[in-house]
Amino acid sequence: MKRWRWGLGALCLGLVLGGGPAVAAVPRVDLGLAQSQSMCDGKATYKYVVMWTARGKSREYQLNSGNKCQLAGRVCGISTKTCYTQCSASGDCRAEVVGCQIGRGAPWIQAYATDGSGYQRITAAAPGKCQ
């Protein structure tokens, strides 16, 4: 078998077994991500403000949540359902997320720098009983 076929075969085997191609990992960093002002906003939903400090050069962040929170009418889920927010020039970041669903998914929020400089995920639980 020719040398290039061995390489192609190894790549295919790696993809089948879940190895996939090597990709540089985005580092987990301390952005100071914190949840505040959590309150019920409807039947089995809640809202809160999330704040953090930007790192790296980018001031744009992608927000994801485990329980379908929304920012500006867009679901901040995972995969293709994401929200974007812009931080101030000084690096102060703030976003009010609403419609977080209790009992759907997991109560977490993640801020991910679009320049790949880092991300942080925290638990963002509902206040008391919102049911």
C-alpha atoms as a PDB file:
ATOM      1  CA  MET A   1       0.000   0.000   0.000  1.00  0.00           C
ATOM      2  CA  LYS A   2       1.289   3.443  -0.818  1.00  0.00           C
ATOM      3  CA  ARG A   3       2.439   5.705   2.026  1.00  0.00           C
ATOM      4  CA  TRP A   4      -0.336   8.322   1.527  1.00  0.00           C
ATOM      5  CA  ARG A   5      -2.998   5.606   1.812  1.00  0.00           C
ATOM      6  CA  TRP A   6      -1.627   4.577   5.213  1.00  0.00           C
ATOM      7  CA  GLY A   7      -1.880   8.173   6.393  1.00  0.00           C
ATOM      8  CA  LEU A   8      -5.407   8.516   5.038  1.00  0.00           C
ATOM      9  CA  GLY A   9      -6.373   5.218   6.651  1.00  0.00           C
ATOM     10  CA  ALA A  10      -4.968   6.311  10.018  1.00  0.00           C
ATOM     11  CA  LEU A  11      -6.837   9.631   9.788  1.00  0.00           C
ATOM     12  CA  CYS A  12     -10.128   7.854   9.017  1.00  0.00           C
ATOM     13  CA  LEU A  13      -9.599   5.396  11.870  1.00  0.00           C
ATOM     14  CA  GLY A  14      -8.861   8.269  14.228  1.00  0.00           C
ATOM     15  CA  LEU A  15     -12.070  10.060  13.207  1.00  0.00           C
ATOM     16  CA  VAL A  16     -14.143   6.883  13.605  1.00  0.00           C
ATOM     17  CA  LEU A  17     -12.708   6.212  17.057  1.00  0.00           C
ATOM     18  CA  GLY A  18     -13.337   9.805  18.141  1.00  0.00           C
ATOM     19  CA  GLY A  19      -9.778  11.052  17.989  1.00  0.00           C
ATOM     20  CA  GLY A  20     -10.412  13.676  15.351  1.00  0.00           C
ATOM     21  CA  PRO A  21      -7.830  16.110  14.083  1.00  0.00           C
ATOM     22  CA  ALA A  22      -5.724  17.979  16.611  1.00  0.00           C
ATOM     23  CA  VAL A  23      -7.220  21.381  17.473  1.00  0.00           C
ATOM     24  CA  ALA A  24      -5.750  23.968  19.811  1.00  0.00           C
ATOM     25  CA  ALA A  25      -7.872  24.102  22.950  1.00  0.00           C
ATOM     26  CA  VAL A  26      -9.356  27.367  24.152  1.00  0.00           C
ATOM     27  CA  PRO A  27      -8.066  27.857  27.688  1.00  0.00           C
ATOM     28  CA  ARG A  28     -10.345  28.013  30.708  1.00  0.00           C
ATOM     29  CA  VAL A  29      -9.548  31.320  32.408  1.00  0.00           C
ATOM     30  CA  ASP A  30     -10.844  33.337  35.332  1.00  0.00           C
ATOM     31  CA  LEU A  31     -12.921  36.145  33.824  1.00  0.00           C
ATOM     32  CA  GLY A  32     -14.524  36.906  37.163  1.00  0.00           C
ATOM     33  CA  LEU A  33     -17.796  35.649  35.678  1.00  0.00           C
ATOM     34  CA  ALA A  34     -20.578  36.125  38.220  1.00  0.00           C
ATOM     35  CA  GLN A  35     -24.362  35.997  38.337  1.00  0.00           C
ATOM     36  CA  SER A  36     -26.382  38.627  40.188  1.00  0.00           C
ATOM     37  CA  GLN A  37     -29.926  39.984  40.459  1.00  0.00           C
ATOM     38  CA  SER A  38     -31.485  36.591  39.831  1.00  0.00           C
ATOM     39  CA  MET A  39     -35.304  36.710  39.850  1.00  0.00           C
ATOM     40  CA  CYS A  40     -38.305  34.838  38.525  1.00  0.00           C
ATOM     41  CA  ASP A  41     -39.683  36.288  35.301  1.00  0.00           C
ATOM     42  CA  GLY A  42     -42.520  33.906  34.492  1.00  0.00           C
ATOM     43  CA  LYS A  43     -43.835  30.414  35.014  1.00  0.00           C
ATOM     44  CA  ALA A  44     -40.799  28.138  35.497  1.00  0.00           C
ATOM     45  CA  THR A  45     -38.411  30.744  34.055  1.00  0.00           C
ATOM     46  CA  TYR A  46     -35.957  33.206  35.572  1.00  0.00           C
ATOM     47  CA  LYS A  47     -33.595  35.979  34.595  1.00  0.00           C
ATOM     48  CA  TYR A  48     -30.309  37.364  35.889  1.00  0.00           C
ATOM     49  CA  VAL A  49     -27.433  39.661  35.083  1.00  0.00           C
ATOM     50  CA  VAL A  50     -24.059  38.122  34.318  1.00  0.00           C
ATOM     51  CA  MET A  51     -20.858  40.174  34.531  1.00  0.00           C
ATOM     52  CA  TRP A  52     -17.192  39.505  33.725  1.00  0.00           C
ATOM     53  CA  THR A  53     -13.965  41.177  32.621  1.00  0.00           C
ATOM     54  CA  ALA A  54     -12.668  40.730  29.067  1.00  0.00           C
ATOM     55  CA  ARG A  55      -9.283  39.143  28.453  1.00  0.00           C
ATOM     56  CA  GLY A  56      -7.231  39.347  25.309  1.00  0.00           C
ATOM     57  CA  LYS A  57      -7.783  41.898  22.561  1.00  0.00           C
ATOM     58  CA  SER A  58     -11.333  40.996  21.613  1.00  0.00           C
ATOM     59  CA  ARG A  59     -14.262  42.712  23.307  1.00  0.00           C
ATOM     60  CA  GLU A  60     -16.837  40.405  21.735  1.00  0.00           C
ATOM     61  CA  TYR A  61     -18.048  37.356  23.634  1.00  0.00           C
ATOM     62  CA  GLN A  62     -20.313  34.468  22.833  1.00  0.00           C
ATOM     63  CA  LEU A  63     -22.700  33.407  25.603  1.00  0.00           C
ATOM     64  CA  ASN A  64     -23.991  29.884  25.951  1.00  0.00           C
ATOM     65  CA  SER A  65     -26.331  28.447  28.566  1.00  0.00           C
ATOM     66  CA  GLY A  66     -27.401  24.972  29.508  1.00  0.00           C
ATOM     67  CA  ASN A  67     -31.064  25.829  30.038  1.00  0.00           C
ATOM     68  CA  LYS A  68     -31.999  27.948  27.029  1.00  0.00           C
ATOM     69  CA  CYS A  69     -31.553  31.447  28.464  1.00  0.00           C
ATOM     70  CA  GLN A  70     -32.109  34.309  26.013  1.00  0.00           C
ATOM     71  CA  LEU A  71     -30.300  37.544  25.275  1.00  0.00           C
ATOM     72  CA  ALA A  72     -32.052  40.147  23.091  1.00  0.00           C
ATOM     73  CA  GLY A  73     -34.615  37.569  21.951  1.00  0.00           C
ATOM     74  CA  ARG A  74     -32.032  34.984  20.869  1.00  0.00           C
ATOM     75  CA  VAL A  75     -31.588  31.616  22.603  1.00  0.00           C
ATOM     76  CA  CYS A  76     -28.149  31.274  24.215  1.00  0.00           C
ATOM     77  CA  GLY A  77     -27.980  27.520  23.976  1.00  0.00           C
ATOM     78  CA  ILE A  78     -25.219  25.373  22.611  1.00  0.00           C
ATOM     79  CA  SER A  79     -24.133  24.412  19.112  1.00  0.00           C
ATOM     80  CA  THR A  80     -25.777  26.799  16.608  1.00  0.00           C
ATOM     81  CA  LYS A  81     -27.944  28.614  19.178  1.00  0.00           C
ATOM     82  CA  THR A  82     -25.635  31.250  20.610  1.00  0.00           C
ATOM     83  CA  CYS A  83     -25.792  34.868  21.719  1.00  0.00           C
ATOM     84  CA  TYR A  84     -23.156  37.522  21.227  1.00  0.00           C
ATOM     85  CA  THR A  85     -22.432  40.555  23.354  1.00  0.00           C
ATOM     86  CA  GLN A  86     -19.985  43.427  23.175  1.00  0.00           C
ATOM     87  CA  CYS A  87     -17.942  44.555  26.190  1.00  0.00           C
ATOM     88  CA  SER A  88     -17.001  48.151  26.873  1.00  0.00           C
ATOM     89  CA  ALA A  89     -13.685  49.544  25.640  1.00  0.00           C
ATOM     90  CA  SER A  90     -12.317  49.188  29.176  1.00  0.00           C
ATOM     91  CA  GLY A  91     -13.179  45.466  29.179  1.00  0.00           C
ATOM     92  CA  ASP A  92     -16.235  45.538  31.448  1.00  0.00           C
ATOM     93  CA  CYS A  93     -18.826  43.030  30.260  1.00  0.00           C
ATOM     94  CA  ARG A  94     -22.470  42.778  31.310  1.00  0.00           C
ATOM     95  CA  ALA A  95     -25.502  40.973  29.914  1.00  0.00           C
ATOM     96  CA  GLU A  96     -29.042  40.429  31.202  1.00  0.00           C
ATOM     97  CA  VAL A  97     -30.311  37.002  30.222  1.00  0.00           C
ATOM     98  CA  VAL A  98     -34.007  36.127  30.475  1.00  0.00           C
ATOM     99  CA  GLY A  99     -36.292  33.152  29.955  1.00  0.00           C
ATOM    100  CA  CYS A 100     -33.920  30.658  31.577  1.00  0.00           C
ATOM    101  CA  GLN A 101     -35.926  27.458  31.826  1.00  0.00           C
ATOM    102  CA  ILE A 102     -36.100  25.599  35.107  1.00  0.00           C
ATOM    103  CA  GLY A 103     -35.943  21.830  34.714  1.00  0.00           C
ATOM    104  CA  ARG A 104     -34.676  22.013  31.113  1.00  0.00           C
ATOM    105  CA  GLY A 105     -31.024  21.210  30.659  1.00  0.00           C
ATOM    106  CA  ALA A 106     -28.602  22.431  33.317  1.00  0.00           C
ATOM    107  CA  PRO A 107     -28.332  25.828  35.052  1.00  0.00           C
ATOM    108  CA  TRP A 108     -25.006  27.164  33.746  1.00  0.00           C
ATOM    109  CA  ILE A 109     -23.787  30.107  31.708  1.00  0.00           C
ATOM    110  CA  GLN A 110     -20.543  30.414  29.767  1.00  0.00           C
ATOM    111  CA  ALA A 111     -18.723  33.437  28.358  1.00  0.00           C
ATOM    112  CA  TYR A 112     -16.416  32.547  25.448  1.00  0.00           C
ATOM    113  CA  ALA A 113     -14.075  35.109  23.868  1.00  0.00           C
ATOM    114  CA  THR A 114     -14.537  35.147  20.104  1.00  0.00           C
ATOM    115  CA  ASP A 115     -10.789  35.670  19.646  1.00  0.00           C
ATOM    116  CA  GLY A 116     -10.108  32.335  21.386  1.00  0.00           C
ATOM    117  CA  SER A 117      -8.343  33.941  24.364  1.00  0.00           C
ATOM    118  CA  GLY A 118     -10.403  31.988  26.875  1.00  0.00           C
ATOM    119  CA  TYR A 119     -13.723  31.103  28.437  1.00  0.00           C
ATOM    120  CA  GLN A 120     -15.308  30.580  31.820  1.00  0.00           C
ATOM    121  CA  ARG A 121     -18.404  28.623  32.828  1.00  0.00           C
ATOM    122  CA  ILE A 122     -20.309  29.009  36.092  1.00  0.00           C
ATOM    123  CA  THR A 123     -23.460  27.591  37.625  1.00  0.00           C
ATOM    124  CA  ALA A 124     -26.328  30.070  37.304  1.00  0.00           C
ATOM    125  CA  ALA A 125     -29.105  28.647  39.429  1.00  0.00           C
ATOM    126  CA  ALA A 126     -32.656  29.921  39.717  1.00  0.00           C
ATOM    127  CA  PRO A 127     -33.655  31.812  42.834  1.00  0.00           C
ATOM    128  CA  GLY A 128     -35.756  29.880  45.356  1.00  0.00           C
ATOM    129  CA  LYS A 129     -38.978  28.608  43.854  1.00  0.00           C
ATOM    130  CA  CYS A 130     -39.920  30.004  40.444  1.00  0.00           C
ATOM    131  CA  GLN A 131     -42.589  27.437  39.678  1.00  0.00           C
END
